Amino acid sequence: MDKKTQEMDVTPYAEFAKNKLGFDFNDIMLLVTALTHRSYVNEHRGKNIEHNERLEYLGDAVLELVTSDYLYRTYNEPEGIMTSLRSAMVRTESIGAAGYELGYEPLVRLSRGEKHGSSRAHEVIMADCFEAVIGAIYLDQGYEVAKSFIYEHIVSRLDAIITEGSWRDPKSYVQELSQKVDGVTPLYKTLREDGPDHDKHFLVGLFIRDKMVATGEGHSKQEAQTEAAKAGVKKFREKLGPEIDQFKKNLQGEEKRAK
């Protein structure tokens, strides 16, 4: 047992690995480091603690390789579509959600100030930790175990991503649907803007032929417009039904042929 391991109780990390990841780490400090934020290190200077950014860098590369390989082998689609599908799988919201589902949040080491950060900041931290955990698994257990982990927690979400159409840029998608169904380009109007300059909050409406069809909220106009577009896409999907799902059917057919 190395000095770092002796200086802290690693039992919760070892139990998490065994119960949630399904194996014992050879070097449990890799997992501890994967769940250690830079702010914690800055708050404990001089204690020889390493933050997770190097592991995050490695895990990000492994995640991109595994998801890219899966898409290439499974679907016969152009580069642009495969890139969009991959981006949807590995975006902050997706991998952050996977981290929350795994339940490692109580094990993440943060500074006192960072613990009281915004929900968006915590989501980013959880996503960064997820990539770092992949890096730790890759170093400790090898590529195949890391690949299985990614398949279970990330690739498994692809069907829902395709079904929901969330792999597409919402604003481009809702414009395409609006032009197809109504023959017009949708417009966005700011309905409300409040809050101090450092923490603004916007409410935006999506209008088609002067009729408001959806709203969205966010900390910037762009974010609020994106949320409104997502809501608009959902309305169109409900309206068009089977017709809009043809892309999913095409992909599923390709997946069966690939197998």
Protein backbone atom coordinates (compact mmCIF):
# COMPACT_ATOMS: atom_id res chain seq x y z
CA MET A 1 0.00 0.00 0.00
CA ASP A 2 1.51 3.37 -1.05
CA LYS A 3 1.80 6.42 1.16
CA LYS A 4 -1.19 8.23 -0.41
CA THR A 5 -3.44 5.23 0.19
CA GLN A 6 -2.32 5.03 3.82
CA GLU A 7 -3.13 8.71 4.38
CA MET A 8 -6.84 8.41 3.53
CA ASP A 9 -9.69 5.96 3.86
CA VAL A 10 -10.19 4.57 0.35
CA THR A 11 -12.87 2.09 1.43
CA PRO A 12 -15.79 4.08 -0.11
CA TYR A 13 -13.93 4.18 -3.45
CA ALA A 14 -13.10 0.49 -3.36
CA GLU A 15 -16.72 -0.37 -2.53
CA PHE A 16 -17.97 1.87 -5.34
CA ALA A 17 -15.64 0.13 -7.81
CA LYS A 18 -16.74 -3.32 -6.73
CA ASN A 19 -20.47 -2.60 -6.44
CA LYS A 20 -21.03 -0.13 -9.29
CA LEU A 21 -18.20 -0.84 -11.74
CA GLY A 22 -18.05 -4.58 -11.15
CA PHE A 23 -14.35 -5.02 -10.43
CA ASP A 24 -11.58 -4.24 -7.95
CA PHE A 25 -9.03 -1.60 -8.92
CA ASN A 26 -5.42 -2.72 -8.80
CA ASP A 27 -4.51 0.87 -7.95
CA ILE A 28 -7.46 2.43 -6.15
CA MET A 29 -5.74 5.82 -6.14
CA LEU A 30 -6.43 6.08 -9.85
CA LEU A 31 -10.15 6.15 -9.07
CA VAL A 32 -9.62 8.59 -6.19
CA THR A 33 -7.69 10.90 -8.52
CA ALA A 34 -10.37 10.58 -11.21
CA LEU A 35 -12.87 12.00 -8.71
CA THR A 36 -10.63 14.82 -7.45
CA HIS A 37 -11.35 18.31 -8.81
CA ARG A 38 -8.65 20.95 -9.24
CA SER A 39 -10.36 23.18 -6.66
CA TYR A 40 -9.81 20.51 -3.97
CA VAL A 41 -6.11 20.35 -4.79
CA ASN A 42 -5.84 24.15 -4.62
CA GLU A 43 -7.50 24.10 -1.21
CA HIS A 44 -5.10 21.43 0.07
CA ARG A 45 -1.76 22.69 -1.20
CA GLY A 46 1.32 20.91 0.05
CA LYS A 47 -0.46 17.58 0.57
CA ASN A 48 0.77 15.90 -2.63
CA ILE A 49 -2.74 15.47 -4.06
CA GLU A 50 -3.27 15.12 -7.81
CA HIS A 51 -6.34 16.44 -9.64
CA ASN A 52 -8.17 14.58 -12.40
CA GLU A 53 -7.40 16.67 -15.49
CA ARG A 54 -4.74 14.35 -16.95
CA LEU A 55 -7.03 11.35 -16.53
CA GLU A 56 -9.87 13.37 -18.06
CA TYR A 57 -7.68 14.07 -21.09
CA LEU A 58 -6.95 10.36 -21.51
CA GLY A 59 -10.54 9.27 -20.89
CA ASP A 60 -11.85 11.76 -23.43
CA ALA A 61 -9.62 10.18 -26.09
CA VAL A 62 -10.72 6.64 -25.21
CA LEU A 63 -14.37 7.70 -25.20
CA GLU A 64 -14.05 9.28 -28.64
CA LEU A 65 -12.29 6.21 -30.05
CA VAL A 66 -14.85 3.73 -28.70
CA THR A 67 -17.91 5.71 -29.83
CA SER A 68 -16.37 6.49 -33.23
CA ASP A 69 -15.47 2.85 -33.78
CA TYR A 70 -18.98 1.74 -32.84
CA LEU A 71 -20.65 4.20 -35.22
CA TYR A 72 -18.30 3.35 -38.08
CA ARG A 73 -18.87 -0.39 -37.73
CA THR A 74 -22.62 -0.12 -37.14
CA TYR A 75 -23.93 2.55 -39.52
CA ASN A 76 -23.18 3.33 -43.15
CA GLU A 77 -23.75 7.07 -42.81
CA PRO A 78 -21.78 10.12 -44.04
CA GLU A 79 -19.12 11.61 -41.80
CA GLY A 80 -21.30 14.58 -40.85
CA ILE A 81 -24.14 12.43 -39.49
CA MET A 82 -21.78 10.13 -37.59
CA THR A 83 -20.04 13.17 -36.09
CA SER A 84 -23.40 14.56 -34.94
CA LEU A 85 -24.42 11.21 -33.43
CA ARG A 86 -21.10 10.94 -31.61
CA SER A 87 -21.35 14.52 -30.34
CA ALA A 88 -24.81 13.80 -28.94
CA MET A 89 -23.52 10.72 -27.12
CA VAL A 90 -20.51 12.41 -25.52
CA ARG A 91 -21.81 15.91 -24.83
CA THR A 92 -21.66 17.23 -21.28
CA GLU A 93 -25.36 16.60 -20.57
CA SER A 94 -25.14 12.94 -21.64
CA ILE A 95 -22.02 11.93 -19.77
CA GLY A 96 -22.94 14.10 -16.79
CA ALA A 97 -26.26 12.24 -16.56
CA ALA A 98 -24.39 8.93 -16.77
CA GLY A 99 -22.24 10.06 -13.86
CA TYR A 100 -25.25 10.95 -11.72
CA GLU A 101 -26.79 7.54 -12.50
CA LEU A 102 -23.58 5.77 -11.47
CA GLY A 103 -23.82 7.61 -8.16
CA TYR A 104 -20.24 8.76 -7.61
CA GLU A 105 -21.24 12.35 -6.76
CA PRO A 106 -20.68 11.88 -2.97
CA LEU A 107 -17.12 10.66 -3.73
CA VAL A 108 -16.13 13.70 -5.80
CA ARG A 109 -13.60 15.82 -3.91
CA LEU A 110 -14.32 19.55 -4.30
CA SER A 111 -13.33 22.76 -2.54
CA ARG A 112 -15.81 24.21 -0.06
CA GLY A 113 -16.66 26.99 -2.51
CA GLU A 114 -17.15 24.65 -5.48
CA LYS A 115 -19.56 22.50 -3.47
CA HIS A 116 -21.95 25.46 -3.48
CA GLY A 117 -21.61 26.16 -7.20
CA SER A 118 -24.47 26.25 -9.67
CA SER A 119 -26.20 23.12 -10.93
CA ARG A 120 -24.68 23.73 -14.38
CA ALA A 121 -21.17 23.88 -12.86
CA HIS A 122 -21.81 20.61 -11.03
CA GLU A 123 -23.05 18.98 -14.23
CA VAL A 124 -19.79 19.92 -15.97
CA ILE A 125 -17.77 18.57 -13.05
CA MET A 126 -19.68 15.28 -13.13
CA ALA A 127 -19.06 14.99 -16.87
CA ASP A 128 -15.35 15.72 -16.45
CA CYS A 129 -15.15 13.09 -13.71
CA PHE A 130 -16.86 10.57 -15.96
CA GLU A 131 -14.15 11.00 -18.58
CA ALA A 132 -11.50 10.77 -15.86
CA VAL A 133 -13.05 7.53 -14.59
CA ILE A 134 -12.80 6.13 -18.12
CA GLY A 135 -9.12 7.10 -18.12
CA ALA A 136 -8.61 5.41 -14.77
CA ILE A 137 -10.36 2.22 -15.92
CA TYR A 138 -8.29 2.16 -19.11
CA LEU A 139 -5.01 2.46 -17.20
CA ASP A 140 -5.97 -0.01 -14.48
CA GLN A 141 -8.03 -2.60 -16.36
CA GLY A 142 -7.21 -2.13 -20.04
CA TYR A 143 -9.00 -1.11 -23.21
CA GLU A 144 -11.61 -3.90 -23.35
CA VAL A 145 -12.93 -3.18 -19.86
CA ALA A 146 -13.03 0.55 -20.61
CA LYS A 147 -14.87 -0.22 -23.85
CA SER A 148 -17.46 -2.34 -22.03
CA PHE A 149 -17.97 0.46 -19.51
CA ILE A 150 -18.57 2.98 -22.32
CA TYR A 151 -20.95 0.62 -24.14
CA GLU A 152 -22.99 0.09 -20.98
CA HIS A 153 -23.26 3.73 -19.93
CA ILE A 154 -22.93 5.78 -23.15
CA VAL A 155 -23.48 3.74 -26.33
CA SER A 156 -26.63 2.28 -24.77
CA ARG A 157 -28.16 5.78 -24.93
CA LEU A 158 -27.88 6.04 -28.69
CA ASP A 159 -31.29 4.56 -29.50
CA ALA A 160 -33.01 7.19 -27.32
CA ILE A 161 -30.89 9.94 -28.90
CA ILE A 162 -31.99 8.84 -32.38
CA THR A 163 -35.63 8.46 -31.30
CA GLU A 164 -35.71 11.95 -29.77
CA GLY A 165 -33.76 13.52 -32.63
CA SER A 166 -31.46 15.15 -30.08
CA TRP A 167 -28.39 14.38 -32.21
CA ARG A 168 -29.42 17.21 -34.52
CA ASP A 169 -28.91 20.92 -33.89
CA PRO A 170 -32.33 21.97 -32.49
CA LYS A 171 -32.51 25.36 -34.21
CA SER A 172 -31.57 23.95 -37.62
CA TYR A 173 -33.92 21.01 -37.13
CA VAL A 174 -36.95 23.08 -36.11
CA GLN A 175 -36.33 25.43 -39.06
CA GLU A 176 -36.21 22.46 -41.43
CA LEU A 177 -39.46 21.07 -40.01
CA SER A 178 -41.18 24.46 -40.02
CA GLN A 179 -40.30 25.05 -43.67
CA LYS A 180 -41.42 21.53 -44.56
CA VAL A 181 -44.76 21.67 -42.73
CA ASP A 182 -45.68 25.36 -42.75
CA GLY A 183 -43.53 26.78 -45.53
CA VAL A 184 -42.06 29.50 -43.30
CA THR A 185 -38.95 30.16 -41.22
CA PRO A 186 -39.58 30.29 -37.45
CA LEU A 187 -38.79 33.43 -35.44
CA TYR A 188 -37.55 33.85 -31.86
CA LYS A 189 -38.75 36.66 -29.61
CA THR A 190 -37.48 37.49 -26.14
CA LEU A 191 -40.49 37.45 -23.82
CA ARG A 192 -38.72 38.25 -20.56
CA GLU A 193 -35.26 39.23 -19.39
CA ASP A 194 -34.43 39.58 -15.71
CA GLY A 195 -31.67 39.15 -13.14
CA PRO A 196 -28.34 40.95 -12.59
CA ASP A 197 -25.77 41.21 -15.39
CA HIS A 198 -23.70 38.32 -14.03
CA ASP A 199 -26.72 36.01 -13.73
CA LYS A 200 -29.25 36.93 -16.42
CA HIS A 201 -32.29 34.79 -17.13
CA PHE A 202 -34.15 34.84 -20.44
CA LEU A 203 -37.53 33.53 -21.58
CA VAL A 204 -37.80 33.17 -25.37
CA GLY A 205 -40.79 32.27 -27.53
CA LEU A 206 -40.66 30.33 -30.80
CA PHE A 207 -43.15 31.77 -33.31
CA ILE A 208 -44.41 30.25 -36.56
CA ARG A 209 -46.77 32.43 -38.63
CA ASP A 210 -47.09 34.83 -35.68
CA LYS A 211 -48.26 32.00 -33.43
CA MET A 212 -46.16 31.07 -30.40
CA VAL A 213 -45.65 27.30 -30.52
CA ALA A 214 -43.03 26.83 -27.79
CA THR A 215 -40.94 28.61 -25.16
CA GLY A 216 -37.50 28.12 -23.71
CA GLU A 217 -35.50 29.47 -20.78
CA GLY A 218 -31.78 29.97 -20.24
CA HIS A 219 -28.98 32.15 -18.90
CA SER A 220 -28.41 33.62 -22.37
CA LYS A 221 -30.63 34.38 -25.35
CA GLN A 222 -28.86 31.66 -27.32
CA GLU A 223 -29.49 29.05 -24.61
CA ALA A 224 -33.14 30.07 -24.30
CA GLN A 225 -33.59 29.92 -28.09
CA THR A 226 -32.06 26.44 -28.15
CA GLU A 227 -34.45 25.26 -25.45
CA ALA A 228 -37.39 26.77 -27.32
CA ALA A 229 -36.23 25.00 -30.49
CA LYS A 230 -36.06 21.68 -28.63
CA ALA A 231 -39.63 22.18 -27.42
CA GLY A 232 -40.65 23.09 -30.96
CA VAL A 233 -39.08 19.93 -32.38
CA LYS A 234 -41.01 17.90 -29.83
CA LYS A 235 -44.28 19.50 -30.98
CA PHE A 236 -43.49 18.72 -34.61
CA ARG A 237 -42.58 15.13 -33.78
CA GLU A 238 -45.95 14.66 -32.08
CA LYS A 239 -47.64 16.20 -35.11
CA LEU A 240 -45.80 14.26 -37.82
CA GLY A 241 -45.59 10.91 -36.02
CA PRO A 242 -44.28 7.98 -38.13
CA GLU A 243 -43.08 10.19 -40.98
CA ILE A 244 -40.44 11.87 -38.84
CA ASP A 245 -39.13 8.52 -37.57
CA GLN A 246 -38.01 7.34 -41.01
CA PHE A 247 -34.39 8.23 -40.27
CA LYS A 248 -34.45 6.03 -37.19
CA LYS A 249 -35.87 3.15 -39.22
CA ASN A 250 -33.14 3.59 -41.82
CA LEU A 251 -30.46 3.50 -39.13
CA GLN A 252 -31.96 0.45 -37.48
CA GLY A 253 -31.95 -1.32 -40.84
CA GLU A 254 -28.28 -0.48 -41.30
CA GLU A 255 -27.50 -1.71 -37.79
CA LYS A 256 -29.12 -5.08 -38.52
CA ARG A 257 -27.20 -5.41 -41.79
CA ALA A 258 -23.95 -4.52 -40.02
CA LYS A 259 -24.52 -7.30 -37.51
